Amino acid sequence: MGDPKFPRKKYETPSHPWEGERIERERELVRKYGLKNKREIWKAETFLRKIRGHARELFVGMGRKQTEKEKEELLKRMITLGLLPPDSQLDDILALTIEDILSRRLQTQVYLHGLSYTPKQARQLIIHGHIAINGKKVRVPSYMVKKSEESAIQYVPSSPFTDEMHPMRPKAEQRTEIKPEVKEMEVKEGA
């Protein structure tokens, strides 16, 4: 059970801490999605690992009544979260990637809906209490946005960002994909 003061970790760390390829891949994901640190990637990987493991267990027990019920519940949950399309099968769960999970975070959805210039600004807006879902303030950047809540993401009515003339408010544009932040280096000629 454990002490209530010390909650269990919600992620598993990599078994080999110094793999160059993994470190570079994680660094790219942190940059692309504007994450605070690699721990957020590890949480998403752990979530994905548990979902895949459950799907594999259900494959083994196909045909039983309880297994069919659990399969339907798992697929319904994935469809509700927006990770899978409505006509999905159990095989589709095994095809999910870490980027599918990261794209459902509130931080990413705020950026994709055009409420911020960058994913990092989206994180800041969420933490500072400027973002609401269905009129309710949400301050957790890693909140998994359900498909039904996707269109209800907006600024909190009391936020200064509701004013369209606010200098830090981006023009309302819907994005289709997330692009990594690229810091352009000025090249000086004639060194």
N, C-alpha and C. Protein backbone atom coordinates (compact mmCIF):
# COMPACT_ATOMS: atom_id res chain seq x y z
N MET A 1 0.84 -1.17 0.00
CA MET A 1 0.00 0.00 0.00
C MET A 1 0.88 1.23 0.00
N GLY A 2 1.77 1.35 0.94
CA GLY A 2 2.69 2.48 0.95
C GLY A 2 2.18 3.66 1.76
N ASP A 3 3.05 4.56 2.03
CA ASP A 3 2.73 5.76 2.79
C ASP A 3 2.01 6.75 1.90
N PRO A 4 0.87 7.32 2.35
CA PRO A 4 0.15 8.28 1.49
C PRO A 4 0.93 9.55 1.21
N LYS A 5 1.91 9.85 2.03
CA LYS A 5 2.72 11.05 1.80
C LYS A 5 3.66 10.88 0.61
N PHE A 6 3.98 9.63 0.29
CA PHE A 6 4.93 9.36 -0.78
C PHE A 6 4.27 8.53 -1.86
N PRO A 7 3.63 9.18 -2.84
CA PRO A 7 2.97 8.41 -3.90
C PRO A 7 3.98 7.67 -4.77
N ARG A 8 3.50 6.59 -5.37
CA ARG A 8 4.38 5.81 -6.25
C ARG A 8 4.69 6.57 -7.52
N LYS A 9 5.83 6.24 -8.11
CA LYS A 9 6.18 6.84 -9.40
C LYS A 9 5.20 6.37 -10.46
N LYS A 10 4.87 7.26 -11.38
CA LYS A 10 3.95 6.94 -12.45
C LYS A 10 4.70 6.66 -13.75
N TYR A 11 5.97 6.36 -13.63
CA TYR A 11 6.77 6.11 -14.82
C TYR A 11 7.92 5.18 -14.49
N GLU A 12 8.49 4.60 -15.53
CA GLU A 12 9.67 3.75 -15.39
C GLU A 12 10.82 4.42 -16.13
N THR A 13 11.96 4.48 -15.50
CA THR A 13 13.13 5.09 -16.13
C THR A 13 13.76 4.09 -17.10
N PRO A 14 14.54 4.57 -18.06
CA PRO A 14 15.21 3.66 -19.00
C PRO A 14 16.18 2.73 -18.28
N SER A 15 16.26 1.50 -18.76
CA SER A 15 17.14 0.52 -18.11
C SER A 15 18.63 0.84 -18.35
N HIS A 16 18.94 1.45 -19.50
CA HIS A 16 20.31 1.85 -19.80
C HIS A 16 20.34 3.37 -19.94
N PRO A 17 20.85 4.10 -18.94
CA PRO A 17 20.76 5.55 -18.95
C PRO A 17 21.61 6.26 -20.00
N TRP A 18 22.63 5.61 -20.55
CA TRP A 18 23.54 6.34 -21.43
C TRP A 18 23.53 5.83 -22.87
N GLU A 19 22.37 5.63 -23.44
CA GLU A 19 22.28 5.24 -24.85
C GLU A 19 22.15 6.51 -25.69
N GLY A 20 23.10 6.74 -26.54
CA GLY A 20 23.13 7.97 -27.33
C GLY A 20 21.92 8.14 -28.24
N GLU A 21 21.50 7.07 -28.88
CA GLU A 21 20.37 7.13 -29.81
C GLU A 21 19.08 7.50 -29.07
N ARG A 22 18.84 6.86 -27.91
CA ARG A 22 17.65 7.15 -27.11
C ARG A 22 17.67 8.57 -26.58
N ILE A 23 18.83 9.01 -26.11
CA ILE A 23 18.96 10.36 -25.57
C ILE A 23 18.65 11.40 -26.64
N GLU A 24 19.14 11.19 -27.85
CA GLU A 24 18.88 12.14 -28.94
C GLU A 24 17.41 12.13 -29.33
N ARG A 25 16.79 10.95 -29.36
CA ARG A 25 15.36 10.85 -29.69
C ARG A 25 14.52 11.57 -28.64
N GLU A 26 14.86 11.38 -27.35
CA GLU A 26 14.13 12.05 -26.27
C GLU A 26 14.34 13.56 -26.33
N ARG A 27 15.55 13.99 -26.63
CA ARG A 27 15.83 15.42 -26.72
C ARG A 27 14.99 16.06 -27.83
N GLU A 28 14.86 15.36 -28.95
CA GLU A 28 14.06 15.86 -30.07
C GLU A 28 12.58 15.95 -29.69
N LEU A 29 12.07 14.95 -28.96
CA LEU A 29 10.66 14.99 -28.51
C LEU A 29 10.42 16.12 -27.52
N VAL A 30 11.37 16.33 -26.61
CA VAL A 30 11.24 17.43 -25.64
C VAL A 30 11.19 18.76 -26.38
N ARG A 31 12.04 18.93 -27.38
CA ARG A 31 12.07 20.16 -28.16
C ARG A 31 10.79 20.32 -28.99
N LYS A 32 10.35 19.24 -29.62
CA LYS A 32 9.20 19.32 -30.51
C LYS A 32 7.90 19.61 -29.76
N TYR A 33 7.70 18.96 -28.62
CA TYR A 33 6.45 19.12 -27.88
C TYR A 33 6.55 20.12 -26.73
N GLY A 34 7.70 20.77 -26.55
CA GLY A 34 7.85 21.79 -25.52
C GLY A 34 7.71 21.24 -24.11
N LEU A 35 8.20 20.03 -23.88
CA LEU A 35 8.05 19.39 -22.58
C LEU A 35 9.01 19.98 -21.56
N LYS A 36 8.67 19.83 -20.30
CA LYS A 36 9.50 20.36 -19.23
C LYS A 36 10.80 19.55 -19.10
N ASN A 37 10.66 18.23 -19.12
CA ASN A 37 11.83 17.36 -19.01
C ASN A 37 11.52 15.98 -19.58
N LYS A 38 12.48 15.09 -19.53
CA LYS A 38 12.33 13.75 -20.10
C LYS A 38 11.38 12.88 -19.28
N ARG A 39 11.14 13.27 -18.04
CA ARG A 39 10.24 12.50 -17.20
C ARG A 39 8.84 12.44 -17.83
N GLU A 40 8.43 13.50 -18.51
CA GLU A 40 7.12 13.50 -19.16
C GLU A 40 7.08 12.50 -20.32
N ILE A 41 8.18 12.31 -21.00
CA ILE A 41 8.26 11.29 -22.05
C ILE A 41 8.16 9.91 -21.41
N TRP A 42 8.85 9.71 -20.30
CA TRP A 42 8.84 8.41 -19.64
C TRP A 42 7.43 8.07 -19.14
N LYS A 43 6.68 9.07 -18.67
CA LYS A 43 5.30 8.83 -18.24
C LYS A 43 4.45 8.39 -19.43
N ALA A 44 4.61 9.05 -20.56
CA ALA A 44 3.84 8.69 -21.75
C ALA A 44 4.24 7.29 -22.23
N GLU A 45 5.53 6.97 -22.19
CA GLU A 45 5.99 5.64 -22.60
C GLU A 45 5.43 4.56 -21.68
N THR A 46 5.37 4.84 -20.39
CA THR A 46 4.82 3.87 -19.44
C THR A 46 3.34 3.66 -19.69
N PHE A 47 2.61 4.74 -19.94
CA PHE A 47 1.18 4.64 -20.28
C PHE A 47 0.99 3.79 -21.53
N LEU A 48 1.79 4.04 -22.55
CA LEU A 48 1.71 3.29 -23.80
C LEU A 48 2.06 1.82 -23.58
N ARG A 49 3.09 1.56 -22.78
CA ARG A 49 3.51 0.19 -22.50
C ARG A 49 2.39 -0.59 -21.81
N LYS A 50 1.69 0.06 -20.86
CA LYS A 50 0.60 -0.62 -20.14
C LYS A 50 -0.57 -0.92 -21.08
N ILE A 51 -0.90 0.02 -21.95
CA ILE A 51 -2.00 -0.19 -22.90
C ILE A 51 -1.66 -1.34 -23.85
N ARG A 52 -0.45 -1.34 -24.38
CA ARG A 52 -0.03 -2.42 -25.30
C ARG A 52 -0.02 -3.77 -24.60
N GLY A 53 0.49 -3.80 -23.36
CA GLY A 53 0.53 -5.05 -22.60
C GLY A 53 -0.87 -5.60 -22.36
N HIS A 54 -1.80 -4.70 -22.04
CA HIS A 54 -3.18 -5.14 -21.82
C HIS A 54 -3.78 -5.68 -23.13
N ALA A 55 -3.48 -5.02 -24.24
CA ALA A 55 -3.97 -5.49 -25.54
C ALA A 55 -3.40 -6.87 -25.87
N ARG A 56 -2.12 -7.10 -25.57
CA ARG A 56 -1.51 -8.40 -25.84
C ARG A 56 -2.17 -9.50 -25.00
N GLU A 57 -2.46 -9.18 -23.72
CA GLU A 57 -3.13 -10.14 -22.86
C GLU A 57 -4.51 -10.50 -23.41
N LEU A 58 -5.19 -9.51 -23.95
CA LEU A 58 -6.52 -9.76 -24.51
C LEU A 58 -6.44 -10.60 -25.78
N PHE A 59 -5.35 -10.46 -26.55
CA PHE A 59 -5.16 -11.30 -27.73
C PHE A 59 -5.04 -12.77 -27.34
N VAL A 60 -4.33 -13.03 -26.26
CA VAL A 60 -4.12 -14.41 -25.82
C VAL A 60 -5.43 -15.04 -25.38
N GLY A 61 -6.29 -14.29 -24.72
CA GLY A 61 -7.54 -14.85 -24.19
C GLY A 61 -8.74 -14.66 -25.08
N MET A 62 -8.54 -14.48 -26.39
CA MET A 62 -9.65 -14.26 -27.33
C MET A 62 -10.67 -15.39 -27.25
N GLY A 63 -11.94 -15.03 -27.38
CA GLY A 63 -13.00 -16.04 -27.39
C GLY A 63 -13.75 -16.14 -26.09
N ARG A 64 -13.13 -15.80 -24.98
CA ARG A 64 -13.82 -15.87 -23.70
C ARG A 64 -14.72 -14.65 -23.53
N LYS A 65 -15.79 -14.81 -22.79
CA LYS A 65 -16.79 -13.75 -22.62
C LYS A 65 -16.18 -12.53 -21.92
N GLN A 66 -15.44 -12.76 -20.85
CA GLN A 66 -14.82 -11.66 -20.09
C GLN A 66 -13.79 -10.92 -20.94
N THR A 67 -13.05 -11.65 -21.75
CA THR A 67 -12.05 -11.04 -22.61
C THR A 67 -12.70 -10.13 -23.64
N GLU A 68 -13.81 -10.56 -24.21
CA GLU A 68 -14.52 -9.74 -25.19
C GLU A 68 -15.01 -8.44 -24.56
N LYS A 69 -15.50 -8.54 -23.33
CA LYS A 69 -15.98 -7.36 -22.61
C LYS A 69 -14.83 -6.38 -22.35
N GLU A 70 -13.70 -6.90 -21.89
CA GLU A 70 -12.53 -6.06 -21.63
C GLU A 70 -12.00 -5.43 -22.91
N LYS A 71 -12.03 -6.18 -24.00
CA LYS A 71 -11.58 -5.68 -25.30
C LYS A 71 -12.43 -4.48 -25.72
N GLU A 72 -13.75 -4.62 -25.59
CA GLU A 72 -14.65 -3.52 -25.95
C GLU A 72 -14.40 -2.29 -25.07
N GLU A 73 -14.17 -2.50 -23.78
CA GLU A 73 -13.91 -1.38 -22.86
C GLU A 73 -12.60 -0.67 -23.21
N LEU A 74 -11.58 -1.45 -23.52
CA LEU A 74 -10.28 -0.86 -23.88
C LEU A 74 -10.39 -0.05 -25.17
N LEU A 75 -11.04 -0.62 -26.18
CA LEU A 75 -11.21 0.10 -27.45
C LEU A 75 -12.05 1.36 -27.26
N LYS A 76 -13.09 1.27 -26.43
CA LYS A 76 -13.93 2.44 -26.16
C LYS A 76 -13.12 3.54 -25.48
N ARG A 77 -12.27 3.16 -24.56
CA ARG A 77 -11.42 4.14 -23.86
C ARG A 77 -10.45 4.82 -24.83
N MET A 78 -9.83 4.05 -25.71
CA MET A 78 -8.89 4.61 -26.68
C MET A 78 -9.60 5.54 -27.68
N ILE A 79 -10.81 5.19 -28.07
CA ILE A 79 -11.58 6.02 -28.98
C ILE A 79 -12.00 7.31 -28.29
N THR A 80 -12.41 7.21 -27.02
CA THR A 80 -12.80 8.39 -26.24
C THR A 80 -11.64 9.35 -26.08
N LEU A 81 -10.44 8.81 -25.86
CA LEU A 81 -9.25 9.66 -25.72
C LEU A 81 -8.80 10.24 -27.05
N GLY A 82 -9.31 9.73 -28.15
CA GLY A 82 -8.94 10.23 -29.46
C GLY A 82 -7.67 9.60 -30.00
N LEU A 83 -7.24 8.52 -29.38
CA LEU A 83 -6.02 7.84 -29.85
C LEU A 83 -6.30 6.94 -31.05
N LEU A 84 -7.55 6.49 -31.18
CA LEU A 84 -7.92 5.60 -32.28
C LEU A 84 -9.20 6.09 -32.96
N PRO A 85 -9.37 5.80 -34.25
CA PRO A 85 -10.64 6.14 -34.93
C PRO A 85 -11.75 5.19 -34.47
N PRO A 86 -13.02 5.57 -34.66
CA PRO A 86 -14.14 4.76 -34.16
C PRO A 86 -14.21 3.32 -34.65
N ASP A 87 -13.73 3.00 -35.83
CA ASP A 87 -13.84 1.64 -36.36
C ASP A 87 -12.56 0.82 -36.14
N SER A 88 -11.90 1.02 -35.02
CA SER A 88 -10.61 0.37 -34.76
C SER A 88 -10.77 -1.04 -34.22
N GLN A 89 -9.69 -1.79 -34.35
CA GLN A 89 -9.60 -3.15 -33.81
C GLN A 89 -8.49 -3.19 -32.77
N LEU A 90 -8.35 -4.32 -32.13
CA LEU A 90 -7.33 -4.49 -31.09
C LEU A 90 -5.92 -4.35 -31.66
N ASP A 91 -5.73 -4.70 -32.94
CA ASP A 91 -4.41 -4.59 -33.58
C ASP A 91 -3.93 -3.14 -33.60
N ASP A 92 -4.87 -2.21 -33.75
CA ASP A 92 -4.51 -0.80 -33.86
C ASP A 92 -3.87 -0.26 -32.58
N ILE A 93 -4.20 -0.85 -31.44
CA ILE A 93 -3.60 -0.41 -30.18
C ILE A 93 -2.11 -0.70 -30.18
N LEU A 94 -1.72 -1.83 -30.76
CA LEU A 94 -0.30 -2.19 -30.81
C LEU A 94 0.48 -1.29 -31.77
N ALA A 95 -0.21 -0.59 -32.66
CA ALA A 95 0.45 0.29 -33.62
C ALA A 95 0.61 1.72 -33.09
N LEU A 96 0.10 2.01 -31.90
CA LEU A 96 0.23 3.36 -31.33
C LEU A 96 1.70 3.68 -31.04
N THR A 97 2.04 4.96 -31.17
CA THR A 97 3.40 5.41 -30.89
C THR A 97 3.40 6.44 -29.77
N ILE A 98 4.58 6.78 -29.30
CA ILE A 98 4.72 7.78 -28.24
C ILE A 98 4.19 9.14 -28.71
N GLU A 99 4.35 9.44 -29.98
CA GLU A 99 3.88 10.72 -30.51
C GLU A 99 2.35 10.79 -30.51
N ASP A 100 1.68 9.65 -30.68
CA ASP A 100 0.22 9.64 -30.58
C ASP A 100 -0.23 10.06 -29.19
N ILE A 101 0.47 9.57 -28.18
CA ILE A 101 0.14 9.91 -26.79
C ILE A 101 0.45 11.38 -26.52
N LEU A 102 1.63 11.84 -26.92
CA LEU A 102 2.02 13.23 -26.67
C LEU A 102 1.12 14.23 -27.40
N SER A 103 0.56 13.83 -28.52
CA SER A 103 -0.29 14.75 -29.27
C SER A 103 -1.65 14.95 -28.61
N ARG A 104 -2.03 14.10 -27.68
CA ARG A 104 -3.31 14.24 -26.98
C ARG A 104 -3.20 15.07 -25.70
N ARG A 105 -2.01 15.50 -25.34
CA ARG A 105 -1.84 16.32 -24.13
C ARG A 105 -2.47 17.69 -24.35
N LEU A 106 -2.94 18.31 -23.27
CA LEU A 106 -3.55 19.64 -23.36
C LEU A 106 -2.57 20.65 -23.92
N GLN A 107 -1.32 20.56 -23.52
CA GLN A 107 -0.29 21.50 -24.00
C GLN A 107 -0.21 21.48 -25.52
N THR A 108 -0.20 20.30 -26.11
CA THR A 108 -0.11 20.17 -27.55
C THR A 108 -1.39 20.64 -28.22
N GLN A 109 -2.53 20.32 -27.64
CA GLN A 109 -3.82 20.72 -28.21
C GLN A 109 -4.01 22.23 -28.21
N VAL A 110 -3.53 22.90 -27.15
CA VAL A 110 -3.61 24.36 -27.10
C VAL A 110 -2.80 24.97 -28.24
N TYR A 111 -1.62 24.42 -28.48
CA TYR A 111 -0.78 24.90 -29.58
C TYR A 111 -1.45 24.63 -30.93
N LEU A 112 -1.97 23.42 -31.11
CA LEU A 112 -2.59 23.05 -32.39
C LEU A 112 -3.86 23.85 -32.67
N HIS A 113 -4.56 24.29 -31.64
CA HIS A 113 -5.77 25.10 -31.82
C HIS A 113 -5.44 26.57 -32.05
N GLY A 114 -4.16 26.92 -32.05
CA GLY A 114 -3.76 28.29 -32.35
C GLY A 114 -3.93 29.26 -31.20
N LEU A 115 -3.96 28.76 -29.97
CA LEU A 115 -4.10 29.63 -28.81
C LEU A 115 -2.75 30.11 -28.28
N SER A 116 -1.66 29.58 -28.85
CA SER A 116 -0.32 30.01 -28.45
C SER A 116 0.60 29.96 -29.67
N TYR A 117 1.70 30.70 -29.58
CA TYR A 117 2.67 30.72 -30.68
C TYR A 117 3.51 29.44 -30.72
N THR A 118 3.89 28.95 -29.53
CA THR A 118 4.77 27.78 -29.44
C THR A 118 4.22 26.81 -28.40
N PRO A 119 4.69 25.56 -28.41
CA PRO A 119 4.28 24.61 -27.36
C PRO A 119 4.72 25.06 -25.96
N LYS A 120 5.86 25.74 -25.88
CA LYS A 120 6.31 26.22 -24.56
C LYS A 120 5.40 27.32 -24.05
N GLN A 121 4.94 28.20 -24.93
CA GLN A 121 4.00 29.24 -24.51
C GLN A 121 2.67 28.59 -24.10
N ALA A 122 2.28 27.53 -24.78
CA ALA A 122 1.06 26.81 -24.41
C ALA A 122 1.17 26.28 -22.99
N ARG A 123 2.32 25.73 -22.65
CA ARG A 123 2.55 25.22 -21.30
C ARG A 123 2.43 26.34 -20.28
N GLN A 124 3.03 27.48 -20.59
CA GLN A 124 2.98 28.62 -19.67
C GLN A 124 1.55 29.12 -19.49
N LEU A 125 0.79 29.21 -20.58
CA LEU A 125 -0.60 29.65 -20.48
C LEU A 125 -1.42 28.71 -19.60
N ILE A 126 -1.19 27.42 -19.73
CA ILE A 126 -1.93 26.44 -18.93
C ILE A 126 -1.57 26.58 -17.46
N ILE A 127 -0.29 26.62 -17.16
CA ILE A 127 0.16 26.70 -15.77
C ILE A 127 -0.31 27.99 -15.10
N HIS A 128 -0.35 29.08 -15.84
CA HIS A 128 -0.75 30.37 -15.28
C HIS A 128 -2.27 30.53 -15.24
N GLY A 129 -3.02 29.52 -15.67
CA GLY A 129 -4.46 29.53 -15.54
C GLY A 129 -5.21 30.32 -16.60
N HIS A 130 -4.70 30.37 -17.82
CA HIS A 130 -5.38 31.09 -18.89
C HIS A 130 -6.20 30.19 -19.80
N ILE A 131 -6.16 28.87 -19.60
CA ILE A 131 -6.83 27.92 -20.49
C ILE A 131 -7.94 27.18 -19.74
N ALA A 132 -9.07 27.02 -20.43
CA ALA A 132 -10.22 26.31 -19.85
C ALA A 132 -10.73 25.28 -20.85
N ILE A 133 -11.33 24.23 -20.30
CA ILE A 133 -12.03 23.23 -21.10
C ILE A 133 -13.47 23.21 -20.60
N ASN A 134 -14.41 23.45 -21.50
CA ASN A 134 -15.83 23.54 -21.14
C ASN A 134 -16.05 24.59 -20.04
N GLY A 135 -15.31 25.68 -20.08
CA GLY A 135 -15.47 26.76 -19.11
C GLY A 135 -14.80 26.51 -17.77
N LYS A 136 -14.13 25.38 -17.60
CA LYS A 136 -13.48 25.04 -16.34
C LYS A 136 -11.96 25.14 -16.51
N LYS A 137 -11.33 25.93 -15.65
CA LYS A 137 -9.89 26.15 -15.73
C LYS A 137 -9.12 24.85 -15.49
N VAL A 138 -8.14 24.59 -16.35
CA VAL A 138 -7.29 23.40 -16.22
C VAL A 138 -5.85 23.88 -16.16
N ARG A 139 -5.12 23.46 -15.14
CA ARG A 139 -3.73 23.90 -14.96
C ARG A 139 -2.72 22.76 -15.09
N VAL A 140 -3.10 21.70 -15.74
CA VAL A 140 -2.22 20.54 -15.88
C VAL A 140 -1.86 20.37 -17.36
N PRO A 141 -0.62 20.67 -17.76
CA PRO A 141 -0.24 20.55 -19.17
C PRO A 141 -0.33 19.13 -19.72
N SER A 142 -0.20 18.11 -18.86
CA SER A 142 -0.22 16.73 -19.32
C SER A 142 -1.63 16.13 -19.33
N TYR A 143 -2.64 16.94 -19.07
CA TYR A 143 -4.03 16.46 -19.09
C TYR A 143 -4.33 15.87 -20.47
N MET A 144 -4.86 14.64 -20.49
CA MET A 144 -5.19 13.96 -21.75
C MET A 144 -6.56 14.44 -22.21
N VAL A 145 -6.58 15.16 -23.31
CA VAL A 145 -7.81 15.75 -23.84
C VAL A 145 -8.61 14.68 -24.57
N LYS A 146 -9.87 14.54 -24.16
CA LYS A 146 -10.76 13.59 -24.83
C LYS A 146 -11.19 14.18 -26.17
N LYS A 147 -11.60 13.33 -27.07
CA LYS A 147 -12.04 13.78 -28.39
C LYS A 147 -13.23 14.73 -28.28
N SER A 148 -14.13 14.48 -27.34
CA SER A 148 -15.31 15.32 -27.17
C SER A 148 -14.96 16.70 -26.59
N GLU A 149 -13.84 16.80 -25.86
CA GLU A 149 -13.43 18.07 -25.24
C GLU A 149 -12.58 18.93 -26.17
N GLU A 150 -12.14 18.36 -27.27
CA GLU A 150 -11.21 19.03 -28.16
C GLU A 150 -11.71 20.39 -28.65
N SER A 151 -12.98 20.48 -29.00
CA SER A 151 -13.52 21.74 -29.52
C SER A 151 -13.85 22.73 -28.41
N ALA A 152 -13.80 22.31 -27.16
CA ALA A 152 -14.16 23.17 -26.03
C ALA A 152 -12.95 23.84 -25.39
N ILE A 153 -11.76 23.70 -25.97
CA ILE A 153 -10.57 24.35 -25.42
C ILE A 153 -10.59 25.82 -25.80
N GLN A 154 -10.46 26.68 -24.79
CA GLN A 154 -10.52 28.12 -25.02
C GLN A 154 -9.80 28.85 -23.88
N TYR A 155 -9.72 30.17 -24.01
CA TYR A 155 -9.18 30.97 -22.92
C TYR A 155 -10.22 31.08 -21.81
N VAL A 156 -9.75 31.20 -20.56
CA VAL A 156 -10.64 31.44 -19.43
C VAL A 156 -11.28 32.81 -19.64
N PRO A 157 -12.58 32.96 -19.40
CA PRO A 157 -13.24 34.25 -19.64
C PRO A 157 -12.61 35.44 -18.89
N SER A 158 -12.02 35.22 -17.73
CA SER A 158 -11.41 36.31 -16.97
C SER A 158 -9.96 36.59 -17.39
N SER A 159 -9.42 35.81 -18.33
CA SER A 159 -8.04 35.97 -18.78
C SER A 159 -7.89 37.21 -19.66
N PRO A 160 -6.76 37.91 -19.55
CA PRO A 160 -6.52 39.03 -20.46
C PRO A 160 -6.36 38.59 -21.92
N PHE A 161 -6.13 37.31 -22.16
CA PHE A 161 -5.96 36.80 -23.52
C PHE A 161 -7.29 36.75 -24.29
N THR A 162 -8.41 36.93 -23.60
CA THR A 162 -9.69 36.96 -24.31
C THR A 162 -9.81 38.22 -25.18
N ASP A 163 -9.05 39.26 -24.84
CA ASP A 163 -9.04 40.48 -25.65
C ASP A 163 -8.22 40.20 -26.91
N GLU A 164 -8.82 40.39 -28.07
CA GLU A 164 -8.13 40.08 -29.33
C GLU A 164 -6.96 41.02 -29.61
N MET A 165 -6.88 42.13 -28.92
CA MET A 165 -5.79 43.08 -29.12
C MET A 165 -4.61 42.83 -28.18
N HIS A 166 -4.68 41.79 -27.37
CA HIS A 166 -3.59 41.47 -26.45
C HIS A 166 -2.33 41.20 -27.27
N PRO A 167 -1.19 41.81 -26.90
CA PRO A 167 0.02 41.67 -27.73
C PRO A 167 0.60 40.25 -27.80
N MET A 168 0.35 39.42 -26.80
CA MET A 168 0.90 38.06 -26.81
C MET A 168 -0.07 37.02 -27.35
N ARG A 169 -1.26 37.45 -27.75
CA ARG A 169 -2.24 36.51 -28.29
C ARG A 169 -1.98 36.30 -29.77
N PRO A 170 -1.82 35.04 -30.18
CA PRO A 170 -1.58 34.78 -31.62
C PRO A 170 -2.86 34.95 -32.43
N LYS A 171 -2.68 35.13 -33.71
CA LYS A 171 -3.82 35.17 -34.62
C LYS A 171 -4.45 33.78 -34.61
N ALA A 172 -5.75 33.73 -34.63
CA ALA A 172 -6.46 32.45 -34.58
C ALA A 172 -6.22 31.67 -35.86
N GLU A 173 -5.42 30.63 -35.76
CA GLU A 173 -5.15 29.76 -36.90
C GLU A 173 -5.08 28.33 -36.41
N GLN A 174 -5.73 27.45 -37.11
CA GLN A 174 -5.75 26.04 -36.76
C GLN A 174 -4.51 25.37 -37.38
N ARG A 175 -3.73 24.67 -36.58
CA ARG A 175 -2.56 23.96 -37.09
C ARG A 175 -2.91 22.50 -37.27
N THR A 176 -2.27 21.87 -38.23
CA THR A 176 -2.54 20.46 -38.47
C THR A 176 -1.48 19.56 -37.85
N GLU A 177 -0.29 20.08 -37.65
CA GLU A 177 0.77 19.28 -37.06
C GLU A 177 1.65 20.16 -36.20
N ILE A 178 2.41 19.53 -35.34
CA ILE A 178 3.30 20.26 -34.45
C ILE A 178 4.69 20.24 -35.06
N LYS A 179 5.31 21.40 -35.08
CA LYS A 179 6.67 21.51 -35.63
C LYS A 179 7.62 21.85 -34.51
N PRO A 180 8.81 21.28 -34.52
CA PRO A 180 9.76 21.60 -33.47
C PRO A 180 10.23 23.05 -33.56
N GLU A 181 10.50 23.60 -32.38
CA GLU A 181 11.04 24.96 -32.37
C GLU A 181 12.45 24.93 -32.92
N VAL A 182 12.71 25.79 -33.87
CA VAL A 182 14.03 25.85 -34.48
C VAL A 182 14.60 27.23 -34.20
N LYS A 183 15.75 27.25 -33.57
CA LYS A 183 16.41 28.51 -33.31
C LYS A 183 17.38 28.77 -34.45
N GLU A 184 17.10 29.83 -35.17
CA GLU A 184 17.91 30.12 -36.34
C GLU A 184 19.19 30.82 -35.90
N MET A 185 20.27 30.34 -36.41
CA MET A 185 21.58 30.91 -36.11
C MET A 185 21.95 31.85 -37.26
N GLU A 186 22.37 33.02 -36.92
CA GLU A 186 22.78 33.95 -37.96
C GLU A 186 24.18 33.57 -38.43
N VAL A 187 24.32 33.47 -39.71
CA VAL A 187 25.62 33.14 -40.28
C VAL A 187 26.30 34.44 -40.67
N LYS A 188 27.46 34.64 -40.10
CA LYS A 188 28.20 35.87 -40.41
C LYS A 188 29.16 35.58 -41.54
N GLU A 189 29.10 36.44 -42.53
CA GLU A 189 29.98 36.26 -43.68
C GLU A 189 31.35 36.90 -43.41
N GLY A 190 32.33 36.31 -44.01
CA GLY A 190 33.70 36.86 -43.93
C GLY A 190 34.28 36.77 -42.54
N ALA A 191 34.37 35.59 -41.99
CA ALA A 191 34.88 35.43 -40.64
C ALA A 191 36.32 35.69 -40.60
